[in-house]
Protein backbone atom coordinates (compact mmCIF):
# COMPACT_ATOMS: atom_id res chain seq x y z
CA UNK A 1 0.82 -21.80 -17.62
CA UNK A 2 -2.68 -20.61 -17.39
CA UNK A 3 -4.44 -17.79 -16.41
CA UNK A 4 -6.70 -19.59 -14.21
CA UNK A 5 -3.74 -20.43 -12.31
CA UNK A 6 -4.06 -16.81 -11.17
CA UNK A 7 -7.30 -16.57 -9.38
CA UNK A 8 -8.92 -16.12 -6.05
CA UNK A 9 -12.59 -15.42 -4.62
CA UNK A 10 -13.59 -11.60 -3.50
CA UNK A 11 -16.78 -11.05 -1.98
CA UNK A 12 -18.24 -7.54 -3.71
CA UNK A 13 -18.38 -5.97 -0.37
CA UNK A 14 -14.89 -5.79 -0.20
CA UNK A 15 -14.63 -3.89 -3.80
CA UNK A 16 -13.73 -0.27 -1.85
CA UNK A 17 -16.39 2.29 -3.59
CA UNK A 18 -14.94 5.43 -1.81
CA UNK A 19 -11.40 6.81 -0.55
CA UNK A 20 -10.90 6.76 3.02
CA UNK A 21 -11.07 10.04 4.64
CA UNK A 22 -7.83 9.90 5.33
CA UNK A 23 -5.29 8.75 2.61
CA UNK A 24 -2.58 7.35 4.77
CA UNK A 25 -4.99 5.43 7.23
CA UNK A 26 -4.96 2.14 4.66
CA UNK A 27 -4.22 -0.90 6.23
CA UNK A 28 -1.01 -2.57 4.86
CA UNK A 29 -0.26 -6.38 4.82
CA UNK A 30 3.48 -6.77 4.79
CA UNK A 31 4.74 -9.99 2.64
CA UNK A 32 8.18 -11.37 3.84
CA UNK A 33 9.23 -13.28 0.52
CA UNK A 34 12.32 -14.88 2.42
CA UNK A 35 9.98 -15.98 5.43
CA UNK A 36 7.13 -16.70 3.51
CA UNK A 37 4.76 -14.82 6.34
CA UNK A 38 2.83 -11.81 6.64
CA UNK A 39 2.02 -9.16 8.97
CA UNK A 40 -0.77 -6.78 9.50
CA UNK A 41 0.33 -3.36 9.54
CA UNK A 42 -1.07 0.38 8.60
CA UNK A 43 0.38 2.44 5.60
CA UNK A 44 1.55 4.98 8.06
CA UNK A 45 4.19 2.74 9.04
CA UNK A 46 5.48 2.52 5.59
CA UNK A 47 8.79 4.52 6.67
CA UNK A 48 9.59 2.62 9.47
CA UNK A 49 10.36 -0.05 6.66
CA UNK A 50 12.53 2.20 4.72
CA UNK A 51 16.16 3.21 5.92
CA UNK A 52 19.57 4.70 4.11
CA UNK A 53 20.27 2.99 0.91
CA UNK A 54 16.41 2.73 0.07
CA UNK A 55 15.51 4.39 -2.94
CA UNK A 56 11.72 4.74 -3.45
CA UNK A 57 10.40 4.99 -6.93
CA UNK A 58 6.89 6.96 -7.64
CA UNK A 59 5.09 7.29 -10.72
CA UNK A 60 4.57 10.77 -11.52
CA UNK A 61 2.11 10.08 -14.38
CA UNK A 62 -1.16 12.33 -13.91
CA UNK A 63 -4.37 11.41 -14.37
CA UNK A 64 -6.81 13.44 -16.68
CA UNK A 65 -10.78 13.28 -17.24
CA UNK A 66 -10.61 10.99 -19.90
CA UNK A 67 -14.20 9.48 -19.64
CA UNK A 68 -16.64 11.39 -22.10
CA UNK A 69 -20.56 11.30 -22.12
CA UNK A 70 -22.37 12.66 -25.15
CA UNK A 71 -24.68 11.28 -28.12
CA UNK A 72 -24.72 10.17 -31.72
CA UNK A 73 -25.07 13.19 -33.89
CA UNK A 74 -29.10 12.36 -34.88
CA UNK A 75 -29.66 10.27 -31.81
CA UNK A 76 -30.82 10.85 -28.48
CA UNK A 77 -29.08 7.64 -26.23
CA UNK A 78 -25.83 8.45 -24.28
CA UNK A 79 -22.76 7.36 -25.70
CA UNK A 80 -19.44 6.75 -23.53
CA UNK A 81 -16.05 7.69 -25.23
CA UNK A 82 -13.38 6.40 -22.85
CA UNK A 83 -9.60 7.95 -24.42
CA UNK A 84 -7.14 5.45 -23.40
CA UNK A 85 -3.72 6.94 -25.72
CA UNK A 86 -3.04 9.48 -27.89
CA UNK A 87 -1.69 8.02 -31.24
CA UNK A 88 -1.23 11.40 -33.52
CA UNK A 89 1.62 14.11 -33.24
CA UNK A 90 -1.20 16.62 -32.98
CA UNK A 91 -2.56 14.83 -30.08
CA UNK A 92 -6.35 14.95 -31.71
CA UNK A 93 -6.52 11.04 -32.79
CA UNK A 94 -6.87 8.44 -29.73
CA UNK A 95 -7.76 4.95 -29.00
CA UNK A 96 -10.76 4.81 -27.29
CA UNK A 97 -13.41 2.44 -25.87
CA UNK A 98 -16.61 3.52 -27.00
CA UNK A 99 -20.28 2.05 -25.64
CA UNK A 100 -22.29 0.81 -26.92
CA UNK A 101 -19.86 -0.42 -29.22
CA UNK A 102 -21.92 -2.39 -31.83
CA UNK A 103 -23.23 0.83 -33.30
CA UNK A 104 -20.68 2.86 -33.17
CA UNK A 105 -19.06 2.71 -37.11
CA UNK A 106 -16.71 4.49 -38.90
CA UNK A 107 -17.68 7.85 -39.88
CA UNK A 108 -20.14 8.12 -36.62
CA UNK A 109 -19.87 11.42 -35.50
CA UNK A 110 -20.50 11.99 -31.51
CA UNK A 111 -21.33 15.34 -29.88
CA UNK A 112 -19.70 15.48 -26.31
CA UNK A 113 -20.75 19.37 -25.81
CA UNK A 114 -20.73 22.36 -27.39
CA UNK A 115 -16.87 22.46 -27.21
CA UNK A 116 -16.43 18.95 -27.94
CA UNK A 117 -17.08 16.44 -31.14
CA UNK A 118 -15.49 12.80 -31.69
CA UNK A 119 -15.36 11.25 -35.00
CA UNK A 120 -14.67 7.45 -34.97
CA UNK A 121 -12.22 6.55 -37.65
CA UNK A 122 -11.80 2.98 -37.39
CA UNK A 123 -12.21 -0.42 -35.03
CA UNK A 124 -9.17 -2.30 -33.30
CA UNK A 125 -8.40 -5.99 -32.80
CA UNK A 126 -10.30 -5.63 -29.33
CA UNK A 127 -13.09 -3.71 -30.27
CA UNK A 128 -10.99 -0.43 -29.24
CA UNK A 129 -11.92 2.27 -32.00
CA UNK A 130 -9.61 5.43 -33.24
CA UNK A 131 -11.08 8.63 -32.93
CA UNK A 132 -10.60 11.98 -33.72
CA UNK A 133 -11.55 15.02 -31.38
CA UNK A 134 -12.40 18.23 -32.51
CA UNK A 135 -12.14 20.51 -29.60
CA UNK A 136 -13.09 24.36 -29.33
CA UNK A 137 -10.10 25.43 -27.66
CA UNK A 138 -7.17 23.80 -26.38
CA UNK A 139 -7.62 20.19 -25.79
CA UNK A 140 -6.79 19.19 -22.01
CA UNK A 141 -8.27 22.81 -21.54
CA UNK A 142 -11.71 21.40 -22.88
CA UNK A 143 -11.52 18.11 -21.33
CA UNK A 144 -10.92 19.29 -17.82
CA UNK A 145 -14.17 21.14 -18.40
CA UNK A 146 -16.19 18.34 -20.18
CA UNK A 147 -14.68 15.23 -19.01
CA UNK A 148 -15.15 12.73 -16.14
CA UNK A 149 -12.58 11.19 -13.65
CA UNK A 150 -12.20 7.59 -15.64
CA UNK A 151 -13.15 5.62 -12.31
CA UNK A 152 -12.56 2.16 -13.26
CA UNK A 153 -15.80 -0.17 -13.47
CA UNK A 154 -16.23 -2.03 -10.01
CA UNK A 155 -16.78 1.40 -8.41
CA UNK A 156 -20.21 1.39 -9.00
CA UNK A 157 -21.30 5.14 -8.67
CA UNK A 158 -20.84 8.55 -10.68
CA UNK A 159 -17.42 10.52 -10.18
CA UNK A 160 -17.59 13.51 -7.95
CA UNK A 161 -15.85 16.34 -7.18
CA UNK A 162 -13.99 14.30 -4.20
CA UNK A 163 -12.50 11.77 -7.00
CA UNK A 164 -10.94 14.84 -9.16
CA UNK A 165 -8.38 15.37 -5.88
CA UNK A 166 -8.27 11.62 -4.64
CA UNK A 167 -8.03 9.82 -7.77
CA UNK A 168 -4.66 11.38 -8.17
CA UNK A 169 -1.35 11.06 -6.56
CA UNK A 170 -0.02 14.05 -4.62
CA UNK A 171 3.03 13.88 -6.52
CA UNK A 172 1.15 13.55 -9.87
CA UNK A 173 2.93 15.73 -12.45
CA UNK A 174 3.10 14.35 -15.79
CA UNK A 175 -0.51 14.38 -17.54
CA UNK A 176 -1.30 11.34 -19.55
CA UNK A 177 -2.68 8.43 -17.53
CA UNK A 178 -6.29 7.38 -17.96
CA UNK A 179 -6.22 5.41 -14.58
CA UNK A 180 -4.63 6.07 -11.46
CA UNK A 181 -1.18 4.10 -10.38
CA UNK A 182 -3.14 3.37 -7.08
CA UNK A 183 -0.17 2.49 -5.23
CA UNK A 184 0.92 6.01 -4.87
CA UNK A 185 -2.73 7.15 -3.44
CA UNK A 186 -1.93 6.29 0.07
CA UNK A 187 0.87 8.38 0.21
CA UNK A 188 0.72 12.20 1.81
CA UNK A 189 3.58 14.65 1.69
CA UNK A 190 4.17 13.98 5.39
CA UNK A 191 4.68 10.66 4.77
CA UNK A 192 6.87 11.52 1.75
CA UNK A 193 8.66 13.36 4.31
CA UNK A 194 9.17 10.63 6.93
CA UNK A 195 10.51 8.27 3.94
CA UNK A 196 13.18 11.00 3.71
CA UNK A 197 13.71 11.55 7.33
CA UNK A 198 14.05 7.94 7.42
CA UNK A 199 17.18 7.79 4.97
CA UNK A 200 14.94 6.82 1.57
CA UNK A 201 16.12 8.53 -1.59
CA UNK A 202 13.20 9.20 -3.62
CA UNK A 203 13.08 8.67 -7.65
CA UNK A 204 10.56 9.78 -10.17
CA UNK A 205 9.60 7.99 -13.27
CA UNK A 206 6.57 8.41 -15.52
CA UNK A 207 4.74 5.58 -16.91
CA UNK A 208 1.14 6.78 -18.20
CA UNK A 209 -1.31 4.02 -17.23
CA UNK A 210 -3.30 2.89 -20.43
CA UNK A 211 -4.95 -0.37 -21.95
CA UNK A 212 -1.81 -2.36 -21.10
CA UNK A 213 -2.39 -1.84 -17.52
CA UNK A 214 -5.92 -2.47 -16.78
CA UNK A 215 -7.36 -4.15 -19.99
CA UNK A 216 -8.60 -7.58 -19.13
CA UNK A 217 -6.10 -10.53 -20.72
CA UNK A 218 -7.92 -12.23 -23.85
CA UNK A 219 -6.04 -15.56 -23.80
CA UNK A 220 -5.78 -18.44 -21.14
CA UNK A 221 -2.23 -19.34 -21.74
CA UNK A 222 0.05 -17.10 -20.11
CA UNK A 223 2.95 -17.30 -22.25
CA UNK A 224 0.73 -16.03 -25.23
CA UNK A 225 0.01 -12.88 -23.17
CA UNK A 226 0.99 -9.48 -25.47
CA UNK A 227 -0.28 -6.13 -23.68
CA UNK A 228 -0.90 -3.05 -25.23
CA UNK A 229 2.21 -0.49 -25.27
CA UNK A 230 2.23 2.34 -22.68
CA UNK A 231 4.44 5.14 -22.82
CA UNK A 232 6.94 5.83 -20.34
CA UNK A 233 10.14 7.24 -19.18
CA UNK A 234 12.99 6.75 -16.71
CA UNK A 235 14.92 10.04 -16.27
CA UNK A 236 18.67 9.81 -15.72
CA UNK A 237 18.45 11.43 -12.38
CA UNK A 238 16.19 8.31 -11.18
CA UNK A 239 18.59 5.64 -12.81
CA UNK A 240 21.55 7.37 -10.80
CA UNK A 241 19.37 7.70 -7.52
CA UNK A 242 18.42 3.31 -8.45
CA UNK A 243 21.99 2.76 -8.99
CA UNK A 244 23.47 4.31 -5.84
CA UNK A 245 20.60 2.48 -3.88
CA UNK A 246 21.13 -0.75 -2.36
CA UNK A 247 17.53 -1.40 -2.58
CA UNK A 248 14.86 -0.35 -4.67
CA UNK A 249 11.59 0.03 -3.42
CA UNK A 250 8.98 0.42 -6.19
CA UNK A 251 5.28 2.14 -5.64
CA UNK A 252 3.27 0.48 -7.51
CA UNK A 253 3.05 -2.46 -10.55
CA UNK A 254 3.56 0.50 -13.19
CA UNK A 255 6.85 1.80 -11.79
CA UNK A 256 8.01 -1.95 -11.74
CA UNK A 257 7.09 -2.23 -15.69
CA UNK A 258 9.04 1.04 -16.16
CA UNK A 259 12.19 0.42 -14.60
CA UNK A 260 12.23 -3.12 -15.55
CA UNK A 261 11.97 -2.22 -19.31
CA UNK A 262 14.87 -1.60 -21.53
CA UNK A 263 15.43 0.70 -23.38
CA UNK A 264 14.58 3.51 -20.55
CA UNK A 265 12.00 5.85 -22.38
CA UNK A 266 9.43 5.32 -25.24
CA UNK A 267 6.68 2.56 -25.16
CA UNK A 268 6.37 -0.79 -23.06
CA UNK A 269 4.46 -3.56 -23.61
CA UNK A 270 6.11 -5.41 -20.82
CA UNK A 271 4.25 -8.33 -19.49
CA UNK A 272 5.97 -9.55 -16.01
CA UNK A 273 5.14 -13.24 -15.36
CA UNK A 274 6.36 -16.27 -13.01
CA UNK A 275 10.38 -16.40 -14.01
CA UNK A 276 10.82 -13.06 -14.65
CA UNK A 277 14.53 -12.16 -13.82
CA UNK A 278 14.22 -8.35 -11.24
CA UNK A 279 16.96 -6.23 -12.31
CA UNK A 280 15.99 -3.46 -10.06
CA UNK A 281 13.11 -4.16 -8.16
CA UNK A 282 14.26 -5.22 -4.71
CA UNK A 283 10.65 -4.49 -2.73
CA UNK A 284 6.82 -3.52 -3.68
CA UNK A 285 4.29 -1.56 -2.39
CA UNK A 286 1.17 -2.25 -4.12
CA UNK A 287 -2.60 -2.62 -3.79
CA UNK A 288 -4.43 -5.42 -4.14
CA UNK A 289 -5.47 -6.30 -7.61
CA UNK A 290 -8.22 -8.13 -9.97
CA UNK A 291 -8.22 -11.72 -10.07
CA UNK A 292 -6.65 -13.03 -13.39
CA UNK A 293 -5.24 -9.72 -14.57
CA UNK A 294 -1.65 -9.16 -15.59
CA UNK A 295 -1.11 -7.15 -12.25
CA UNK A 296 -1.98 -9.81 -10.06
CA UNK A 297 0.21 -12.47 -12.31
CA UNK A 298 3.23 -9.55 -11.86
CA UNK A 299 2.75 -9.78 -8.28
CA UNK A 300 2.89 -13.41 -8.29
CA UNK A 301 6.11 -13.14 -10.37
CA UNK A 302 7.80 -11.08 -7.80
CA UNK A 303 6.54 -12.65 -4.36
CA UNK A 304 5.83 -16.37 -5.51
CA UNK A 305 2.66 -17.33 -7.02
CA UNK A 306 1.48 -19.47 -3.87
CA UNK A 307 2.71 -16.99 -1.22
CA UNK A 308 1.11 -14.51 -3.22
CA UNK A 309 -2.14 -16.28 -3.30
CA UNK A 310 -2.33 -17.33 0.10
CA UNK A 311 -1.58 -13.64 1.22
CA UNK A 312 -4.73 -12.54 -0.79
CA UNK A 313 -6.63 -15.19 0.74
CA UNK A 314 -5.78 -14.21 4.18
CA UNK A 315 -6.63 -10.29 3.29
CA UNK A 316 -9.79 -11.44 2.03
CA UNK A 317 -10.74 -13.27 5.43
CA UNK A 318 -9.58 -10.53 7.18
CA UNK A 319 -11.77 -7.86 5.69
CA UNK A 320 -9.06 -5.96 3.76
CA UNK A 321 -10.45 -3.33 1.04
CA UNK A 322 -9.35 -4.42 -2.23
CA UNK A 323 -8.56 -2.34 -5.72
CA UNK A 324 -8.28 1.61 -6.53
CA UNK A 325 -9.35 2.79 -3.65
CA UNK A 326 -8.63 -0.01 -1.18
CA UNK A 327 -5.76 -1.14 1.20
CA UNK A 328 -2.22 -1.96 0.10
CA UNK A 329 0.76 -4.59 0.33
CA UNK A 330 4.33 -4.02 1.22
CA UNK A 331 6.06 -6.95 -0.40
CA UNK A 332 10.37 -6.86 0.70
C-alpha cells in the first residue's frame, strides 16, 4: 500500500488561519460507515448523536509554549528551536526541530532570552536535534514567559494572545503536548454538559502530542512507516468507563491511538493503517487532516479509504475549513 493512495487536493484558502469566534459553531460532516453516506451538520449537534451506553473519550493533554526564538551565540540572525519531547529525567534535555538546521552543529549555544539558553548536543535520524535547556528558574514557568504557541506551519501568521486560549481544549489538564489534540478544540463546557445530559459518560486519557502525530511520513510504502514514540496513559477509571460502555466515541486520532495501544501507559509508536483491528473505538470525532499524513491514514483505516476520501472531496467542494482551526467530521 502506497502513501500516494491517501491524497486529495485542497485549495490553500480552505486552510483555517484563525479560530471561529464560537468554538462550537464549526461545521460537522457526519459519516455513516455502514450506509456509506454523509450529511452536513454542526458541531453543536454532537450531543444528539450520543446516548446512554456511549463513552466519550477525551485527550486531556495540555499544550505548552514550545516554540522558542533566539540567536546563535556570537551571531545576530534569528534561530527557531521547537521542543518536541523531554528525553532526560531532570526535564532539561529535549528533542527539538531547529531552523536553520544546517548551521546548527553540536556544541552551538542559542540565547533565547535573559532567562533561557539552549545548547545543541546531537543530531537525530531525520534532522531533529537533542538540546539541553538552561533556564533561570523553573523551566515551564520560564517557557510560559518566553515561549510561543506552537501553531503548525500551515497557519501562516505569528501566534497571538488569542491562541494562548484557543489552541487549547477547555478540558486540557496534563501539560506535555507541542501540538493541540485539535478535535477537542470544538468543545465548550456547555457542550460537554449536553453530552452528559444525553446519557454519555466521559473518560479522560492523556497522549502528549509530538513528532509521532504531526511529522510528515518519510516513506512511500505504508507498511514501512515507523512513527516517533509519544508518552500516553489510559487511567484505570477510563478503562472501566470504556468497559462499561456499549460504544466508545473517541475524540481525536490521539485518543484513538491511546486507547488502541497496549499496554495502557508508557510510550506508543502505534501506526494505524487499513487492516488494523480496532478493539475499542466505535465512533470517532476528528478534524480534517493533511494529505498523505499518518492521521489521514488512520481515518481511512477506520472509515474505509474510499468512503473517507470521497467524504474529504465532498468537504472540499462544500467549502469546509480544514486542519487545526477548521471544521470536523464525526464517523459513526
